[in-house]
Amino acid sequence: MYGLGTLYERMSRSDEAMDASRRALEARPDFADACNNLGILYARRGDLERAREYWQRAVAIDPNSAAREPPQRLRQEEGSATP
């Protein structure tokens, strides 16, 4: 499921990407990469509070997760959301 979510994300099909990432997380609740991916997808939608929640969950699961620097990630996502 996670690979499918990543593929959907690359195809700019965010609804499907979120659904696939959620299903991957349901199947494997300790999957830090799926949490990180959901954080990115929520941030791109402008839901930074939810993004933070998923990034924090990813770091709780794996302290070496790519989500370990949420302030930097938030700045990047906020910057890409502005025209």
N, C-alpha and C. Protein backbone atom coordinates (compact mmCIF):
# COMPACT_ATOMS: atom_id res chain seq x y z
N MET A 1 0.80 -1.20 0.00
CA MET A 1 0.00 0.00 0.00
C MET A 1 0.85 1.27 0.00
N TYR A 2 1.93 1.26 0.79
CA TYR A 2 2.75 2.46 0.88
C TYR A 2 3.33 2.82 -0.49
N GLY A 3 3.81 1.82 -1.22
CA GLY A 3 4.35 2.08 -2.55
C GLY A 3 3.31 2.65 -3.48
N LEU A 4 2.09 2.17 -3.36
CA LEU A 4 0.99 2.70 -4.16
C LEU A 4 0.72 4.15 -3.78
N GLY A 5 0.77 4.46 -2.49
CA GLY A 5 0.58 5.83 -2.04
C GLY A 5 1.64 6.76 -2.61
N THR A 6 2.87 6.30 -2.62
CA THR A 6 3.97 7.09 -3.17
C THR A 6 3.77 7.32 -4.67
N LEU A 7 3.33 6.29 -5.35
CA LEU A 7 3.05 6.41 -6.78
C LEU A 7 1.95 7.43 -7.03
N TYR A 8 0.86 7.33 -6.28
CA TYR A 8 -0.23 8.30 -6.42
C TYR A 8 0.25 9.71 -6.14
N GLU A 9 1.09 9.86 -5.14
CA GLU A 9 1.62 11.19 -4.82
C GLU A 9 2.41 11.75 -5.99
N ARG A 10 3.23 10.94 -6.61
CA ARG A 10 4.01 11.38 -7.77
C ARG A 10 3.13 11.74 -8.96
N MET A 11 1.94 11.14 -9.00
CA MET A 11 1.00 11.41 -10.09
C MET A 11 0.06 12.57 -9.74
N SER A 12 0.33 13.24 -8.61
CA SER A 12 -0.49 14.36 -8.12
C SER A 12 -1.93 13.94 -7.85
N ARG A 13 -2.09 12.72 -7.37
CA ARG A 13 -3.41 12.20 -7.01
C ARG A 13 -3.44 12.08 -5.48
N SER A 14 -3.54 13.23 -4.82
CA SER A 14 -3.35 13.27 -3.37
C SER A 14 -4.43 12.52 -2.60
N ASP A 15 -5.67 12.52 -3.06
CA ASP A 15 -6.71 11.78 -2.34
C ASP A 15 -6.37 10.29 -2.29
N GLU A 16 -5.98 9.76 -3.43
CA GLU A 16 -5.62 8.34 -3.49
C GLU A 16 -4.35 8.06 -2.69
N ALA A 17 -3.41 9.01 -2.73
CA ALA A 17 -2.16 8.85 -1.98
C ALA A 17 -2.45 8.80 -0.48
N MET A 18 -3.34 9.68 -0.02
CA MET A 18 -3.68 9.68 1.41
C MET A 18 -4.38 8.38 1.79
N ASP A 19 -5.29 7.94 0.97
CA ASP A 19 -6.02 6.71 1.25
C ASP A 19 -5.06 5.52 1.33
N ALA A 20 -4.15 5.41 0.38
CA ALA A 20 -3.20 4.30 0.36
C ALA A 20 -2.26 4.37 1.57
N SER A 21 -1.82 5.56 1.92
CA SER A 21 -0.93 5.72 3.07
C SER A 21 -1.65 5.38 4.37
N ARG A 22 -2.91 5.78 4.48
CA ARG A 22 -3.70 5.43 5.67
C ARG A 22 -3.87 3.91 5.78
N ARG A 23 -4.15 3.26 4.65
CA ARG A 23 -4.32 1.81 4.67
C ARG A 23 -3.01 1.11 5.03
N ALA A 24 -1.89 1.65 4.55
CA ALA A 24 -0.58 1.08 4.92
C ALA A 24 -0.36 1.22 6.43
N LEU A 25 -0.77 2.34 6.98
CA LEU A 25 -0.61 2.57 8.42
C LEU A 25 -1.56 1.69 9.23
N GLU A 26 -2.74 1.44 8.72
CA GLU A 26 -3.67 0.52 9.40
C GLU A 26 -3.09 -0.90 9.43
N ALA A 27 -2.48 -1.29 8.33
CA ALA A 27 -1.90 -2.63 8.26
C ALA A 27 -0.65 -2.75 9.13
N ARG A 28 0.07 -1.65 9.25
CA ARG A 28 1.32 -1.66 10.02
C ARG A 28 1.43 -0.34 10.80
N PRO A 29 0.82 -0.27 11.99
CA PRO A 29 0.78 0.97 12.77
C PRO A 29 2.14 1.55 13.14
N ASP A 30 3.20 0.76 13.03
CA ASP A 30 4.54 1.25 13.38
C ASP A 30 5.34 1.68 12.15
N PHE A 31 4.67 2.03 11.08
CA PHE A 31 5.33 2.37 9.81
C PHE A 31 5.60 3.88 9.76
N ALA A 32 6.78 4.27 10.19
CA ALA A 32 7.15 5.69 10.28
C ALA A 32 7.10 6.38 8.92
N ASP A 33 7.49 5.71 7.85
CA ASP A 33 7.47 6.34 6.53
C ASP A 33 6.05 6.71 6.09
N ALA A 34 5.09 5.86 6.42
CA ALA A 34 3.69 6.17 6.08
C ALA A 34 3.23 7.39 6.87
N CYS A 35 3.62 7.48 8.13
CA CYS A 35 3.28 8.66 8.94
C CYS A 35 3.90 9.92 8.35
N ASN A 36 5.15 9.82 7.97
CA ASN A 36 5.84 10.96 7.37
C ASN A 36 5.15 11.38 6.07
N ASN A 37 4.79 10.42 5.25
CA ASN A 37 4.13 10.72 3.99
C ASN A 37 2.78 11.41 4.23
N LEU A 38 2.02 10.92 5.20
CA LEU A 38 0.75 11.57 5.52
C LEU A 38 0.99 12.99 6.03
N GLY A 39 2.04 13.20 6.80
CA GLY A 39 2.37 14.56 7.24
C GLY A 39 2.62 15.48 6.07
N ILE A 40 3.36 15.01 5.10
CA ILE A 40 3.64 15.81 3.90
C ILE A 40 2.35 16.11 3.14
N LEU A 41 1.51 15.10 2.97
CA LEU A 41 0.26 15.29 2.23
C LEU A 41 -0.66 16.28 2.95
N TYR A 42 -0.76 16.17 4.27
CA TYR A 42 -1.60 17.12 5.01
C TYR A 42 -1.02 18.53 4.93
N ALA A 43 0.29 18.65 5.02
CA ALA A 43 0.91 19.98 4.92
C ALA A 43 0.62 20.61 3.56
N ARG A 44 0.68 19.82 2.51
CA ARG A 44 0.40 20.35 1.18
C ARG A 44 -1.05 20.82 1.04
N ARG A 45 -1.92 20.23 1.85
CA ARG A 45 -3.33 20.65 1.84
C ARG A 45 -3.56 21.85 2.76
N GLY A 46 -2.52 22.24 3.47
CA GLY A 46 -2.64 23.38 4.37
C GLY A 46 -3.04 23.02 5.79
N ASP A 47 -3.18 21.74 6.09
CA ASP A 47 -3.55 21.29 7.42
C ASP A 47 -2.28 20.99 8.21
N LEU A 48 -1.62 22.06 8.66
CA LEU A 48 -0.31 21.92 9.30
C LEU A 48 -0.42 21.28 10.68
N GLU A 49 -1.54 21.46 11.36
CA GLU A 49 -1.71 20.82 12.67
C GLU A 49 -1.72 19.30 12.51
N ARG A 50 -2.47 18.82 11.56
CA ARG A 50 -2.52 17.37 11.32
C ARG A 50 -1.16 16.87 10.81
N ALA A 51 -0.51 17.67 9.98
CA ALA A 51 0.82 17.29 9.48
C ALA A 51 1.78 17.10 10.65
N ARG A 52 1.77 18.04 11.60
CA ARG A 52 2.64 17.93 12.78
C ARG A 52 2.36 16.65 13.55
N GLU A 53 1.06 16.33 13.70
CA GLU A 53 0.69 15.11 14.43
C GLU A 53 1.32 13.88 13.79
N TYR A 54 1.24 13.78 12.46
CA TYR A 54 1.81 12.61 11.78
C TYR A 54 3.33 12.62 11.83
N TRP A 55 3.95 13.80 11.72
CA TRP A 55 5.40 13.86 11.81
C TRP A 55 5.87 13.48 13.21
N GLN A 56 5.15 13.93 14.23
CA GLN A 56 5.52 13.56 15.60
C GLN A 56 5.36 12.06 15.82
N ARG A 57 4.31 11.51 15.26
CA ARG A 57 4.11 10.06 15.37
C ARG A 57 5.24 9.30 14.69
N ALA A 58 5.67 9.79 13.52
CA ALA A 58 6.76 9.14 12.79
C ALA A 58 8.04 9.14 13.63
N VAL A 59 8.34 10.26 14.27
CA VAL A 59 9.55 10.36 15.09
C VAL A 59 9.43 9.50 16.35
N ALA A 60 8.23 9.39 16.91
CA ALA A 60 8.03 8.53 18.08
C ALA A 60 8.28 7.07 17.72
N ILE A 61 7.92 6.69 16.51
CA ILE A 61 8.14 5.32 16.05
C ILE A 61 9.61 5.09 15.73
N ASP A 62 10.19 6.06 15.02
CA ASP A 62 11.59 5.93 14.59
C ASP A 62 12.29 7.28 14.76
N PRO A 63 13.10 7.45 15.80
CA PRO A 63 13.78 8.72 16.04
C PRO A 63 14.66 9.18 14.88
N ASN A 64 15.02 8.27 13.98
CA ASN A 64 15.83 8.64 12.83
C ASN A 64 14.99 8.89 11.58
N SER A 65 13.69 8.98 11.76
CA SER A 65 12.78 9.21 10.64
C SER A 65 13.10 10.53 9.93
N ALA A 66 12.77 10.58 8.66
CA ALA A 66 12.95 11.81 7.89
C ALA A 66 12.11 12.95 8.47
N ALA A 67 11.12 12.62 9.29
CA ALA A 67 10.24 13.62 9.90
C ALA A 67 10.83 14.20 11.19
N ARG A 68 12.07 13.87 11.53
CA ARG A 68 12.63 14.28 12.82
C ARG A 68 12.86 15.78 12.93
N GLU A 69 12.79 16.51 11.83
CA GLU A 69 12.97 17.96 11.86
C GLU A 69 11.72 18.65 11.36
N PRO A 70 10.60 18.53 12.09
CA PRO A 70 9.35 19.11 11.60
C PRO A 70 9.38 20.61 11.36
N PRO A 71 10.07 21.43 12.18
CA PRO A 71 10.06 22.86 11.85
C PRO A 71 10.62 23.16 10.45
N GLN A 72 11.70 22.49 10.08
CA GLN A 72 12.26 22.69 8.75
C GLN A 72 11.28 22.19 7.70
N ARG A 73 10.68 21.03 7.92
CA ARG A 73 9.72 20.49 6.97
C ARG A 73 8.53 21.44 6.84
N LEU A 74 8.07 22.00 7.97
CA LEU A 74 6.94 22.92 7.91
C LEU A 74 7.29 24.16 7.09
N ARG A 75 8.48 24.68 7.29
CA ARG A 75 8.89 25.86 6.50
C ARG A 75 8.91 25.53 5.02
N GLN A 76 9.41 24.35 4.68
CA GLN A 76 9.45 23.95 3.27
C GLN A 76 8.04 23.83 2.72
N GLU A 77 7.15 23.18 3.46
CA GLU A 77 5.80 22.99 2.99
C GLU A 77 5.03 24.30 2.94
N GLU A 78 5.22 25.17 3.96
CA GLU A 78 4.56 26.47 3.95
C GLU A 78 5.04 27.29 2.76
N GLY A 79 6.33 27.20 2.46
CA GLY A 79 6.87 27.95 1.33
C GLY A 79 6.33 27.46 0.01
N SER A 80 6.08 26.16 -0.12
CA SER A 80 5.56 25.64 -1.38
C SER A 80 4.07 25.89 -1.51
N ALA A 81 3.40 26.22 -0.40
CA ALA A 81 1.96 26.47 -0.47
C ALA A 81 1.66 27.91 -0.88
N THR A 82 2.66 28.79 -0.77
CA THR A 82 2.42 30.18 -1.15
C THR A 82 2.74 30.38 -2.63
N PRO A 83 1.89 31.16 -3.31
CA PRO A 83 2.14 31.37 -4.75
C PRO A 83 3.35 32.22 -5.02
